[in-house]
């Protein structure tokens, strides 16, 4: 994710249980957060915020679906092509080992794919 994006461990946050995931910043950043109980209070006190919550949920659900298809159901070379088309800024900002992991390939495979381009 990048500036302005929302990131959350979905199951952990909404079910209020320990996560099997971790979130790590790769660059210096300012993080804003909200606790689950605070979000629920906002939904109760400000019904119009339910609309905002739904819009955000739809946005990130669509993104998740696109990434699932683009990153997990394509051959490795097509995954890299998808990354170049959809998130070219990440190539310059994220170390290759993390990009390779995100793409579900090894760093060696990523290097070979980049070498063919």
PDB file of N, CA and C in Angstrom:
ATOM      1  N   UNK A   1       0.853  -1.172   0.000  1.00  0.00           N
ATOM      2  CA  UNK A   1       0.000   0.000   0.000  1.00  0.00           C
ATOM      3  C   UNK A   1       0.902   1.240   0.000  1.00  0.00           C
ATOM      4  N   UNK A   2       0.296   2.349  -0.330  1.00  0.00           N
ATOM      5  CA  UNK A   2       1.071   3.593  -0.390  1.00  0.00           C
ATOM      6  C   UNK A   2       0.283   4.724   0.260  1.00  0.00           C
ATOM      7  N   UNK A   3       0.811   5.917   0.175  1.00  0.00           N
ATOM      8  CA  UNK A   3       0.190   7.072   0.807  1.00  0.00           C
ATOM      9  C   UNK A   3      -1.314   7.122   0.531  1.00  0.00           C
ATOM     10  N   UNK A   4      -2.060   7.419   1.577  1.00  0.00           N
ATOM     11  CA  UNK A   4      -3.496   7.584   1.428  1.00  0.00           C
ATOM     12  C   UNK A   4      -4.300   6.298   1.433  1.00  0.00           C
ATOM     13  N   UNK A   5      -3.636   5.154   1.427  1.00  0.00           N
ATOM     14  CA  UNK A   5      -4.338   3.878   1.429  1.00  0.00           C
ATOM     15  C   UNK A   5      -4.656   3.439   2.852  1.00  0.00           C
ATOM     16  N   UNK A   6      -5.620   2.564   2.948  1.00  0.00           N
ATOM     17  CA  UNK A   6      -6.011   1.970   4.228  1.00  0.00           C
ATOM     18  C   UNK A   6      -5.507   0.542   4.232  1.00  0.00           C
ATOM     19  N   UNK A   7      -4.892   0.143   5.323  1.00  0.00           N
ATOM     20  CA  UNK A   7      -4.441  -1.243   5.443  1.00  0.00           C
ATOM     21  C   UNK A   7      -4.879  -1.776   6.792  1.00  0.00           C
ATOM     22  N   UNK A   8      -5.345  -3.005   6.774  1.00  0.00           N
ATOM     23  CA  UNK A   8      -5.862  -3.610   7.993  1.00  0.00           C
ATOM     24  C   UNK A   8      -5.753  -5.118   7.877  1.00  0.00           C
ATOM     25  N   UNK A   9      -5.516  -5.757   8.985  1.00  0.00           N
ATOM     26  CA  UNK A   9      -5.607  -7.208   9.044  1.00  0.00           C
ATOM     27  C   UNK A   9      -7.080  -7.509   9.283  1.00  0.00           C
ATOM     28  N   UNK A  10      -7.805  -7.801   8.224  1.00  0.00           N
ATOM     29  CA  UNK A  10      -9.268  -7.871   8.234  1.00  0.00           C
ATOM     30  C   UNK A  10      -9.812  -8.778   9.340  1.00  0.00           C
ATOM     31  N   UNK A  11      -9.413 -10.031   9.318  1.00  0.00           N
ATOM     32  CA  UNK A  11      -9.960 -10.992  10.274  1.00  0.00           C
ATOM     33  C   UNK A  11      -9.631 -10.588  11.707  1.00  0.00           C
ATOM     34  N   UNK A  12      -8.412 -10.157  11.940  1.00  0.00           N
ATOM     35  CA  UNK A  12      -8.007  -9.748  13.277  1.00  0.00           C
ATOM     36  C   UNK A  12      -8.808  -8.549  13.757  1.00  0.00           C
ATOM     37  N   UNK A  13      -8.953  -7.543  12.910  1.00  0.00           N
ATOM     38  CA  UNK A  13      -9.643  -6.312  13.296  1.00  0.00           C
ATOM     39  C   UNK A  13     -11.125  -6.557  13.556  1.00  0.00           C
ATOM     40  N   UNK A  14     -11.801  -7.154  12.604  1.00  0.00           N
ATOM     41  CA  UNK A  14     -13.255  -7.275  12.707  1.00  0.00           C
ATOM     42  C   UNK A  14     -13.712  -8.392  13.647  1.00  0.00           C
ATOM     43  N   UNK A  15     -12.883  -9.402  13.830  1.00  0.00           N
ATOM     44  CA  UNK A  15     -13.246 -10.454  14.775  1.00  0.00           C
ATOM     45  C   UNK A  15     -12.568 -10.255  16.124  1.00  0.00           C
ATOM     46  N   UNK A  16     -11.713  -9.233  16.195  1.00  0.00           N
ATOM     47  CA  UNK A  16     -11.026  -8.906  17.438  1.00  0.00           C
ATOM     48  C   UNK A  16     -10.280 -10.102  18.010  1.00  0.00           C
ATOM     49  N   UNK A  17      -9.427 -10.666  17.154  1.00  0.00           N
ATOM     50  CA  UNK A  17      -8.602 -11.781  17.603  1.00  0.00           C
ATOM     51  C   UNK A  17      -7.184 -11.583  17.095  1.00  0.00           C
ATOM     52  N   UNK A  18      -6.270 -12.338  17.664  1.00  0.00           N
ATOM     53  CA  UNK A  18      -4.861 -12.217  17.294  1.00  0.00           C
ATOM     54  C   UNK A  18      -4.679 -12.510  15.808  1.00  0.00           C
ATOM     55  N   UNK A  19      -3.828 -11.736  15.185  1.00  0.00           N
ATOM     56  CA  UNK A  19      -3.613 -11.864  13.750  1.00  0.00           C
ATOM     57  C   UNK A  19      -2.499 -12.853  13.424  1.00  0.00           C
ATOM     58  N   UNK A  20      -2.616 -13.499  12.293  1.00  0.00           N
ATOM     59  CA  UNK A  20      -1.539 -14.327  11.766  1.00  0.00           C
ATOM     60  C   UNK A  20      -0.710 -13.526  10.767  1.00  0.00           C
ATOM     61  N   UNK A  21      -1.100 -12.271  10.543  1.00  0.00           N
ATOM     62  CA  UNK A  21      -0.406 -11.385   9.617  1.00  0.00           C
ATOM     63  C   UNK A  21       0.327 -10.297  10.396  1.00  0.00           C
ATOM     64  N   UNK A  22       1.260  -9.667   9.708  1.00  0.00           N
ATOM     65  CA  UNK A  22       1.884  -8.472  10.260  1.00  0.00           C
ATOM     66  C   UNK A  22       1.945  -7.432   9.149  1.00  0.00           C
ATOM     67  N   UNK A  23       1.979  -6.193   9.561  1.00  0.00           N
ATOM     68  CA  UNK A  23       2.059  -5.075   8.627  1.00  0.00           C
ATOM     69  C   UNK A  23       3.338  -4.325   8.955  1.00  0.00           C
ATOM     70  N   UNK A  24       4.165  -4.115   7.946  1.00  0.00           N
ATOM     71  CA  UNK A  24       5.457  -3.476   8.162  1.00  0.00           C
ATOM     72  C   UNK A  24       5.632  -2.328   7.180  1.00  0.00           C
ATOM     73  N   UNK A  25       6.037  -1.174   7.694  1.00  0.00           N
ATOM     74  CA  UNK A  25       6.336  -0.031   6.837  1.00  0.00           C
ATOM     75  C   UNK A  25       7.741  -0.191   6.267  1.00  0.00           C
ATOM     76  N   UNK A  26       7.887   0.055   4.976  1.00  0.00           N
ATOM     77  CA  UNK A  26       9.199  -0.036   4.337  1.00  0.00           C
ATOM     78  C   UNK A  26       9.858   1.333   4.214  1.00  0.00           C
ATOM     79  N   UNK A  27       9.090   2.374   4.470  1.00  0.00           N
ATOM     80  CA  UNK A  27       9.590   3.748   4.426  1.00  0.00           C
ATOM     81  C   UNK A  27       9.104   4.464   5.677  1.00  0.00           C
ATOM     82  N   UNK A  28       9.768   5.568   6.015  1.00  0.00           N
ATOM     83  CA  UNK A  28       9.267   6.400   7.103  1.00  0.00           C
ATOM     84  C   UNK A  28       7.869   6.860   6.744  1.00  0.00           C
ATOM     85  N   UNK A  29       6.994   6.864   7.723  1.00  0.00           N
ATOM     86  CA  UNK A  29       5.619   7.246   7.446  1.00  0.00           C
ATOM     87  C   UNK A  29       4.924   7.727   8.713  1.00  0.00           C
ATOM     88  N   UNK A  30       3.806   8.344   8.500  1.00  0.00           N
ATOM     89  CA  UNK A  30       2.914   8.697   9.596  1.00  0.00           C
ATOM     90  C   UNK A  30       1.723   7.763   9.505  1.00  0.00           C
ATOM     91  N   UNK A  31       1.418   7.109  10.597  1.00  0.00           N
ATOM     92  CA  UNK A  31       0.338   6.135  10.620  1.00  0.00           C
ATOM     93  C   UNK A  31      -0.803   6.683  11.473  1.00  0.00           C
ATOM     94  N   UNK A  32      -1.990   6.637  10.917  1.00  0.00           N
ATOM     95  CA  UNK A  32      -3.200   6.971  11.655  1.00  0.00           C
ATOM     96  C   UNK A  32      -3.951   5.677  11.872  1.00  0.00           C
ATOM     97  N   UNK A  33      -4.532   5.537  13.024  1.00  0.00           N
ATOM     98  CA  UNK A  33      -5.250   4.304  13.303  1.00  0.00           C
ATOM     99  C   UNK A  33      -6.519   4.590  14.073  1.00  0.00           C
ATOM    100  N   UNK A  34      -7.379   3.607  14.053  1.00  0.00           N
ATOM    101  CA  UNK A  34      -8.614   3.671  14.819  1.00  0.00           C
ATOM    102  C   UNK A  34      -8.830   2.296  15.431  1.00  0.00           C
ATOM    103  N   UNK A  35      -9.247   2.281  16.670  1.00  0.00           N
ATOM    104  CA  UNK A  35      -9.538   1.021  17.329  1.00  0.00           C
ATOM    105  C   UNK A  35     -10.936   0.560  16.940  1.00  0.00           C
ATOM    106  N   UNK A  36     -11.149  -0.730  17.002  1.00  0.00           N
ATOM    107  CA  UNK A  36     -12.420  -1.325  16.611  1.00  0.00           C
ATOM    108  C   UNK A  36     -13.589  -0.694  17.362  1.00  0.00           C
ATOM    109  N   UNK A  37     -13.458  -0.532  18.658  1.00  0.00           N
ATOM    110  CA  UNK A  37     -14.558   0.039  19.449  1.00  0.00           C
ATOM    111  C   UNK A  37     -14.829   1.484  19.053  1.00  0.00           C
ATOM    112  N   UNK A  38     -13.781   2.219  18.705  1.00  0.00           N
ATOM    113  CA  UNK A  38     -13.977   3.603  18.245  1.00  0.00           C
ATOM    114  C   UNK A  38     -14.759   3.629  16.936  1.00  0.00           C
ATOM    115  N   UNK A  39     -14.407   2.733  16.018  1.00  0.00           N
ATOM    116  CA  UNK A  39     -15.112   2.673  14.740  1.00  0.00           C
ATOM    117  C   UNK A  39     -16.583   2.328  14.951  1.00  0.00           C
ATOM    118  N   UNK A  40     -16.852   1.374  15.815  1.00  0.00           N
ATOM    119  CA  UNK A  40     -18.239   0.992  16.080  1.00  0.00           C
ATOM    120  C   UNK A  40     -19.020   2.154  16.695  1.00  0.00           C
ATOM    121  N   UNK A  41     -18.383   2.920  17.571  1.00  0.00           N
ATOM    122  CA  UNK A  41     -19.036   4.092  18.159  1.00  0.00           C
ATOM    123  C   UNK A  41     -19.342   5.149  17.105  1.00  0.00           C
ATOM    124  N   UNK A  42     -18.426   5.352  16.188  1.00  0.00           N
ATOM    125  CA  UNK A  42     -18.651   6.318  15.104  1.00  0.00           C
ATOM    126  C   UNK A  42     -19.833   5.870  14.250  1.00  0.00           C
ATOM    127  N   UNK A  43     -19.885   4.579  13.913  1.00  0.00           N
ATOM    128  CA  UNK A  43     -21.013   4.066  13.125  1.00  0.00           C
ATOM    129  C   UNK A  43     -22.349   4.313  13.845  1.00  0.00           C
ATOM    130  N   UNK A  44     -22.367   4.130  15.159  1.00  0.00           N
ATOM    131  CA  UNK A  44     -23.598   4.332  15.923  1.00  0.00           C
ATOM    132  C   UNK A  44     -23.962   5.817  16.039  1.00  0.00           C
ATOM    133  N   UNK A  45     -22.971   6.658  16.297  1.00  0.00           N
ATOM    134  CA  UNK A  45     -23.234   8.083  16.535  1.00  0.00           C
ATOM    135  C   UNK A  45     -23.478   8.868  15.250  1.00  0.00           C
ATOM    136  N   UNK A  46     -22.866   8.421  14.164  1.00  0.00           N
ATOM    137  CA  UNK A  46     -22.958   9.145  12.892  1.00  0.00           C
ATOM    138  C   UNK A  46     -23.361   8.169  11.793  1.00  0.00           C
ATOM    139  N   UNK A  47     -24.654   7.927  11.638  1.00  0.00           N
ATOM    140  CA  UNK A  47     -25.116   6.934  10.654  1.00  0.00           C
ATOM    141  C   UNK A  47     -24.593   7.184   9.242  1.00  0.00           C
ATOM    142  N   UNK A  48     -24.354   8.439   8.880  1.00  0.00           N
ATOM    143  CA  UNK A  48     -23.845   8.726   7.537  1.00  0.00           C
ATOM    144  C   UNK A  48     -22.447   8.141   7.323  1.00  0.00           C
ATOM    145  N   UNK A  49     -21.728   7.899   8.407  1.00  0.00           N
ATOM    146  CA  UNK A  49     -20.399   7.311   8.265  1.00  0.00           C
ATOM    147  C   UNK A  49     -20.480   5.858   7.814  1.00  0.00           C
ATOM    148  N   UNK A  50     -21.618   5.212   8.016  1.00  0.00           N
ATOM    149  CA  UNK A  50     -21.810   3.856   7.505  1.00  0.00           C
ATOM    150  C   UNK A  50     -21.661   3.837   5.983  1.00  0.00           C
ATOM    151  N   UNK A  51     -22.125   4.904   5.322  1.00  0.00           N
ATOM    152  CA  UNK A  51     -21.979   5.011   3.867  1.00  0.00           C
ATOM    153  C   UNK A  51     -20.502   5.080   3.492  1.00  0.00           C
ATOM    154  N   UNK A  52     -19.750   5.895   4.207  1.00  0.00           N
ATOM    155  CA  UNK A  52     -18.311   6.020   3.931  1.00  0.00           C
ATOM    156  C   UNK A  52     -17.626   4.674   4.148  1.00  0.00           C
ATOM    157  N   UNK A  53     -17.997   4.003   5.223  1.00  0.00           N
ATOM    158  CA  UNK A  53     -17.432   2.686   5.492  1.00  0.00           C
ATOM    159  C   UNK A  53     -17.732   1.699   4.387  1.00  0.00           C
ATOM    160  N   UNK A  54     -18.954   1.746   3.859  1.00  0.00           N
ATOM    161  CA  UNK A  54     -19.330   0.843   2.771  1.00  0.00           C
ATOM    162  C   UNK A  54     -18.536   1.156   1.509  1.00  0.00           C
ATOM    163  N   UNK A  55     -18.376   2.436   1.194  1.00  0.00           N
ATOM    164  CA  UNK A  55     -17.621   2.832   0.002  1.00  0.00           C
ATOM    165  C   UNK A  55     -16.165   2.366   0.117  1.00  0.00           C
ATOM    166  N   UNK A  56     -15.556   2.549   1.278  1.00  0.00           N
ATOM    167  CA  UNK A  56     -14.183   2.082   1.481  1.00  0.00           C
ATOM    168  C   UNK A  56     -14.095   0.565   1.378  1.00  0.00           C
ATOM    169  N   UNK A  57     -15.066  -0.124   1.960  1.00  0.00           N
ATOM    170  CA  UNK A  57     -15.075  -1.579   1.894  1.00  0.00           C
ATOM    171  C   UNK A  57     -15.171  -2.054   0.446  1.00  0.00           C
ATOM    172  N   UNK A  58     -16.047  -1.438  -0.341  1.00  0.00           N
ATOM    173  CA  UNK A  58     -16.186  -1.800  -1.757  1.00  0.00           C
ATOM    174  C   UNK A  58     -14.888  -1.546  -2.513  1.00  0.00           C
ATOM    175  N   UNK A  59     -14.278  -0.388  -2.263  1.00  0.00           N
ATOM    176  CA  UNK A  59     -13.025  -0.032  -2.952  1.00  0.00           C
ATOM    177  C   UNK A  59     -11.947  -1.083  -2.696  1.00  0.00           C
ATOM    178  N   UNK A  60     -11.760  -1.451  -1.439  1.00  0.00           N
ATOM    179  CA  UNK A  60     -10.685  -2.382  -1.115  1.00  0.00           C
ATOM    180  C   UNK A  60     -11.044  -3.821  -1.445  1.00  0.00           C
ATOM    181  N   UNK A  61     -12.315  -4.153  -1.476  1.00  0.00           N
ATOM    182  CA  UNK A  61     -12.721  -5.486  -1.921  1.00  0.00           C
ATOM    183  C   UNK A  61     -12.410  -5.645  -3.409  1.00  0.00           C
ATOM    184  N   UNK A  62     -12.711  -4.608  -4.201  1.00  0.00           N
ATOM    185  CA  UNK A  62     -12.396  -4.645  -5.641  1.00  0.00           C
ATOM    186  C   UNK A  62     -10.891  -4.754  -5.846  1.00  0.00           C
ATOM    187  N   UNK A  63     -10.124  -3.984  -5.087  1.00  0.00           N
ATOM    188  CA  UNK A  63      -8.665  -4.031  -5.185  1.00  0.00           C
ATOM    189  C   UNK A  63      -8.158  -5.428  -4.847  1.00  0.00           C
ATOM    190  N   UNK A  64      -8.712  -6.015  -3.781  1.00  0.00           N
ATOM    191  CA  UNK A  64      -8.307  -7.356  -3.385  1.00  0.00           C
ATOM    192  C   UNK A  64      -8.598  -8.358  -4.500  1.00  0.00           C
ATOM    193  N   UNK A  65      -9.775  -8.251  -5.104  1.00  0.00           N
ATOM    194  CA  UNK A  65     -10.152  -9.170  -6.180  1.00  0.00           C
ATOM    195  C   UNK A  65      -9.216  -9.010  -7.386  1.00  0.00           C
ATOM    196  N   UNK A  66      -8.876  -7.775  -7.729  1.00  0.00           N
ATOM    197  CA  UNK A  66      -7.957  -7.527  -8.842  1.00  0.00           C
ATOM    198  C   UNK A  66      -6.587  -8.107  -8.532  1.00  0.00           C
ATOM    199  N   UNK A  67      -6.128  -7.907  -7.301  1.00  0.00           N
ATOM    200  CA  UNK A  67      -4.815  -8.425  -6.926  1.00  0.00           C
ATOM    201  C   UNK A  67      -4.818  -9.946  -6.878  1.00  0.00           C
ATOM    202  N   UNK A  68      -5.895 -10.529  -6.408  1.00  0.00           N
ATOM    203  CA  UNK A  68      -5.984 -11.983  -6.379  1.00  0.00           C
ATOM    204  C   UNK A  68      -5.822 -12.546  -7.782  1.00  0.00           C
ATOM    205  N   UNK A  69      -6.522 -11.969  -8.730  1.00  0.00           N
ATOM    206  CA  UNK A  69      -6.411 -12.430 -10.111  1.00  0.00           C
ATOM    207  C   UNK A  69      -5.053 -12.076 -10.698  1.00  0.00           C
ATOM    208  N   UNK A  70      -4.640 -10.834 -10.521  1.00  0.00           N
ATOM    209  CA  UNK A  70      -3.392 -10.374 -11.127  1.00  0.00           C
ATOM    210  C   UNK A  70      -2.146 -10.991 -10.534  1.00  0.00           C
ATOM    211  N   UNK A  71      -2.197 -11.340  -9.252  1.00  0.00           N
ATOM    212  CA  UNK A  71      -0.986 -11.817  -8.586  1.00  0.00           C
ATOM    213  C   UNK A  71      -0.949 -13.312  -8.330  1.00  0.00           C
ATOM    214  N   UNK A  72      -2.072 -13.959  -8.330  1.00  0.00           N
ATOM    215  CA  UNK A  72      -2.056 -15.366  -7.952  1.00  0.00           C
ATOM    216  C   UNK A  72      -2.518 -16.307  -9.042  1.00  0.00           C
ATOM    217  N   UNK A  73      -3.204 -15.810 -10.038  1.00  0.00           N
ATOM    218  CA  UNK A  73      -3.774 -16.698 -11.044  1.00  0.00           C
ATOM    219  C   UNK A  73      -3.126 -16.520 -12.407  1.00  0.00           C
ATOM    220  N   UNK A  74      -1.983 -15.901 -12.435  1.00  0.00           N
ATOM    221  CA  UNK A  74      -1.284 -15.651 -13.690  1.00  0.00           C
ATOM    222  C   UNK A  74       0.121 -16.251 -13.624  1.00  0.00           C
ATOM    223  N   UNK A  75       0.709 -16.558 -14.770  1.00  0.00           N
ATOM    224  CA  UNK A  75       2.113 -16.981 -14.783  1.00  0.00           C
ATOM    225  C   UNK A  75       3.003 -15.851 -14.246  1.00  0.00           C
ATOM    226  N   UNK A  76       4.175 -16.200 -13.767  1.00  0.00           N
ATOM    227  CA  UNK A  76       5.071 -15.240 -13.118  1.00  0.00           C
ATOM    228  C   UNK A  76       5.346 -14.001 -13.978  1.00  0.00           C
ATOM    229  N   UNK A  77       5.626 -14.185 -15.258  1.00  0.00           N
ATOM    230  CA  UNK A  77       5.914 -13.041 -16.134  1.00  0.00           C
ATOM    231  C   UNK A  77       4.708 -12.112 -16.241  1.00  0.00           C
ATOM    232  N   UNK A  78       3.522 -12.683 -16.276  1.00  0.00           N
ATOM    233  CA  UNK A  78       2.308 -11.874 -16.347  1.00  0.00           C
ATOM    234  C   UNK A  78       2.051 -11.136 -15.035  1.00  0.00           C
ATOM    235  N   UNK A  79       2.465 -11.737 -13.928  1.00  0.00           N
ATOM    236  CA  UNK A  79       2.337 -11.057 -12.629  1.00  0.00           C
ATOM    237  C   UNK A  79       3.182  -9.785 -12.615  1.00  0.00           C
ATOM    238  N   UNK A  80       4.401  -9.921 -13.125  1.00  0.00           N
ATOM    239  CA  UNK A  80       5.283  -8.752 -13.179  1.00  0.00           C
ATOM    240  C   UNK A  80       4.717  -7.693 -14.130  1.00  0.00           C
ATOM    241  N   UNK A  81       4.201  -8.140 -15.253  1.00  0.00           N
ATOM    242  CA  UNK A  81       3.573  -7.219 -16.211  1.00  0.00           C
ATOM    243  C   UNK A  81       2.400  -6.501 -15.554  1.00  0.00           C
ATOM    244  N   UNK A  82       1.588  -7.237 -14.786  1.00  0.00           N
ATOM    245  CA  UNK A  82       0.462  -6.648 -14.063  1.00  0.00           C
ATOM    246  C   UNK A  82       0.965  -5.581 -13.088  1.00  0.00           C
ATOM    247  N   UNK A  83       2.045  -5.892 -12.382  1.00  0.00           N
ATOM    248  CA  UNK A  83       2.629  -4.929 -11.445  1.00  0.00           C
ATOM    249  C   UNK A  83       3.064  -3.664 -12.177  1.00  0.00           C
ATOM    250  N   UNK A  84       3.724  -3.813 -13.296  1.00  0.00           N
ATOM    251  CA  UNK A  84       4.176  -2.647 -14.083  1.00  0.00           C
ATOM    252  C   UNK A  84       2.993  -1.804 -14.560  1.00  0.00           C
ATOM    253  N   UNK A  85       1.918  -2.451 -14.933  1.00  0.00           N
ATOM    254  CA  UNK A  85       0.753  -1.731 -15.444  1.00  0.00           C
ATOM    255  C   UNK A  85      -0.055  -1.064 -14.336  1.00  0.00           C
ATOM    256  N   UNK A  86      -0.130  -1.701 -13.174  1.00  0.00           N
ATOM    257  CA  UNK A  86      -1.013  -1.222 -12.119  1.00  0.00           C
ATOM    258  C   UNK A  86      -0.325  -0.463 -10.985  1.00  0.00           C
ATOM    259  N   UNK A  87       0.937  -0.751 -10.756  1.00  0.00           N
ATOM    260  CA  UNK A  87       1.660  -0.114  -9.650  1.00  0.00           C
ATOM    261  C   UNK A  87       3.122   0.145 -10.026  1.00  0.00           C
ATOM    262  N   UNK A  88       3.378   0.862 -11.111  1.00  0.00           N
ATOM    263  CA  UNK A  88       4.767   1.050 -11.554  1.00  0.00           C
ATOM    264  C   UNK A  88       5.640   1.777 -10.528  1.00  0.00           C
ATOM    265  N   UNK A  89       5.026   2.608  -9.691  1.00  0.00           N
ATOM    266  CA  UNK A  89       5.800   3.350  -8.700  1.00  0.00           C
ATOM    267  C   UNK A  89       6.444   2.425  -7.662  1.00  0.00           C
ATOM    268  N   UNK A  90       5.872   1.255  -7.471  1.00  0.00           N
ATOM    269  CA  UNK A  90       6.424   0.334  -6.481  1.00  0.00           C
ATOM    270  C   UNK A  90       7.775  -0.231  -6.910  1.00  0.00           C
ATOM    271  N   UNK A  91       8.004  -0.327  -8.203  1.00  0.00           N
ATOM    272  CA  UNK A  91       9.269  -0.849  -8.721  1.00  0.00           C
ATOM    273  C   UNK A  91      10.434  -0.013  -8.197  1.00  0.00           C
ATOM    274  N   UNK A  92      10.228   1.299  -8.100  1.00  0.00           N
ATOM    275  CA  UNK A  92      11.286   2.200  -7.646  1.00  0.00           C
ATOM    276  C   UNK A  92      11.358   2.319  -6.129  1.00  0.00           C
ATOM    277  N   UNK A  93      10.279   1.986  -5.439  1.00  0.00           N
ATOM    278  CA  UNK A  93      10.211   2.239  -4.003  1.00  0.00           C
ATOM    279  C   UNK A  93      10.390   1.005  -3.118  1.00  0.00           C
ATOM    280  N   UNK A  94      10.119  -0.164  -3.666  1.00  0.00           N
ATOM    281  CA  UNK A  94      10.107  -1.375  -2.843  1.00  0.00           C
ATOM    282  C   UNK A  94      11.265  -2.282  -3.246  1.00  0.00           C
ATOM    283  N   UNK A  95      12.056  -2.735  -2.267  1.00  0.00           N
ATOM    284  CA  UNK A  95      13.153  -3.660  -2.586  1.00  0.00           C
ATOM    285  C   UNK A  95      12.647  -4.919  -3.295  1.00  0.00           C
ATOM    286  N   UNK A  96      13.478  -5.441  -4.185  1.00  0.00           N
ATOM    287  CA  UNK A  96      13.103  -6.587  -5.018  1.00  0.00           C
ATOM    288  C   UNK A  96      12.653  -7.785  -4.199  1.00  0.00           C
ATOM    289  N   UNK A  97      13.266  -8.032  -3.053  1.00  0.00           N
ATOM    290  CA  UNK A  97      12.885  -9.213  -2.267  1.00  0.00           C
ATOM    291  C   UNK A  97      11.436  -9.126  -1.794  1.00  0.00           C
ATOM    292  N   UNK A  98      10.967  -7.905  -1.491  1.00  0.00           N
ATOM    293  CA  UNK A  98       9.585  -7.740  -1.063  1.00  0.00           C
ATOM    294  C   UNK A  98       8.623  -7.809  -2.246  1.00  0.00           C
ATOM    295  N   UNK A  99       9.031  -7.243  -3.377  1.00  0.00           N
ATOM    296  CA  UNK A  99       8.199  -7.340  -4.575  1.00  0.00           C
ATOM    297  C   UNK A  99       8.035  -8.799  -4.996  1.00  0.00           C
ATOM    298  N   UNK A 100       9.142  -9.531  -4.969  1.00  0.00           N
ATOM    299  CA  UNK A 100       9.093 -10.943  -5.343  1.00  0.00           C
ATOM    300  C   UNK A 100       8.137 -11.705  -4.422  1.00  0.00           C
ATOM    301  N   UNK A 101       8.251 -11.464  -3.135  1.00  0.00           N
ATOM    302  CA  UNK A 101       7.365 -12.126  -2.182  1.00  0.00           C
ATOM    303  C   UNK A 101       5.909 -11.780  -2.462  1.00  0.00           C
ATOM    304  N   UNK A 102       5.617 -10.507  -2.707  1.00  0.00           N
ATOM    305  CA  UNK A 102       4.255 -10.051  -2.996  1.00  0.00           C
ATOM    306  C   UNK A 102       3.720 -10.702  -4.270  1.00  0.00           C
ATOM    307  N   UNK A 103       4.608 -10.879  -5.263  1.00  0.00           N
ATOM    308  CA  UNK A 103       4.222 -11.497  -6.523  1.00  0.00           C
ATOM    309  C   UNK A 103       4.130 -13.022  -6.411  1.00  0.00           C
ATOM    310  N   UNK A 104       4.603 -13.568  -5.292  1.00  0.00           N
ATOM    311  CA  UNK A 104       4.544 -15.015  -5.091  1.00  0.00           C
ATOM    312  C   UNK A 104       5.607 -15.761  -5.869  1.00  0.00           C
ATOM    313  N   UNK A 105       6.742 -15.105  -6.104  1.00  0.00           N
ATOM    314  CA  UNK A 105       7.847 -15.722  -6.833  1.00  0.00           C
ATOM    315  C   UNK A 105       9.138 -15.486  -6.048  1.00  0.00           C
ATOM    316  N   UNK A 106      10.214 -16.139  -6.466  1.00  0.00           N
ATOM    317  CA  UNK A 106      11.496 -15.927  -5.806  1.00  0.00           C
ATOM    318  C   UNK A 106      12.153 -14.668  -6.352  1.00  0.00           C
ATOM    319  N   UNK A 107      13.106 -14.170  -5.603  1.00  0.00           N
ATOM    320  CA  UNK A 107      13.856 -12.997  -6.055  1.00  0.00           C
ATOM    321  C   UNK A 107      14.652 -13.324  -7.320  1.00  0.00           C
ATOM    322  N   UNK A 108      15.134 -14.545  -7.433  1.00  0.00           N
ATOM    323  CA  UNK A 108      15.871 -14.980  -8.626  1.00  0.00           C
ATOM    324  C   UNK A 108      14.946 -14.959  -9.844  1.00  0.00           C
ATOM    325  N   UNK A 109      13.729 -15.480  -9.678  1.00  0.00           N
ATOM    326  CA  UNK A 109      12.761 -15.485 -10.785  1.00  0.00           C
ATOM    327  C   UNK A 109      12.428 -14.052 -11.192  1.00  0.00           C
ATOM    328  N   UNK A 110      12.253 -13.169 -10.220  1.00  0.00           N
ATOM    329  CA  UNK A 110      11.965 -11.766 -10.528  1.00  0.00           C
ATOM    330  C   UNK A 110      13.106 -11.155 -11.326  1.00  0.00           C
ATOM    331  N   UNK A 111      14.321 -11.435 -10.941  1.00  0.00           N
ATOM    332  CA  UNK A 111      15.484 -10.916 -11.649  1.00  0.00           C
ATOM    333  C   UNK A 111      15.513 -11.432 -13.091  1.00  0.00           C
ATOM    334  N   UNK A 112      15.200 -12.686 -13.292  1.00  0.00           N
ATOM    335  CA  UNK A 112      15.173 -13.264 -14.654  1.00  0.00           C
ATOM    336  C   UNK A 112      14.089 -12.598 -15.496  1.00  0.00           C
ATOM    337  N   UNK A 113      12.919 -12.392 -14.907  1.00  0.00           N
ATOM    338  CA  UNK A 113      11.815 -11.760 -15.638  1.00  0.00           C
ATOM    339  C   UNK A 113      12.189 -10.336 -16.016  1.00  0.00           C
ATOM    340  N   UNK A 114      12.772  -9.599 -15.076  1.00  0.00           N
ATOM    341  CA  UNK A 114      13.170  -8.211 -15.347  1.00  0.00           C
ATOM    342  C   UNK A 114      14.246  -8.164 -16.435  1.00  0.00           C
ATOM    343  N   UNK A 115      15.126  -9.171 -16.437  1.00  0.00           N
ATOM    344  CA  UNK A 115      16.185  -9.218 -17.432  1.00  0.00           C
ATOM    345  C   UNK A 115      15.677  -9.440 -18.849  1.00  0.00           C
ATOM    346  N   UNK A 116      14.537 -10.095 -18.980  1.00  0.00           N
ATOM    347  CA  UNK A 116      13.952 -10.352 -20.291  1.00  0.00           C
ATOM    348  C   UNK A 116      13.178  -9.149 -20.829  1.00  0.00           C
ATOM    349  N   UNK A 117      12.845  -8.207 -19.963  1.00  0.00           N
ATOM    350  CA  UNK A 117      12.036  -7.045 -20.384  1.00  0.00           C
ATOM    351  C   UNK A 117      12.903  -5.994 -21.044  1.00  0.00           C
TER     352      UNK A 117
END
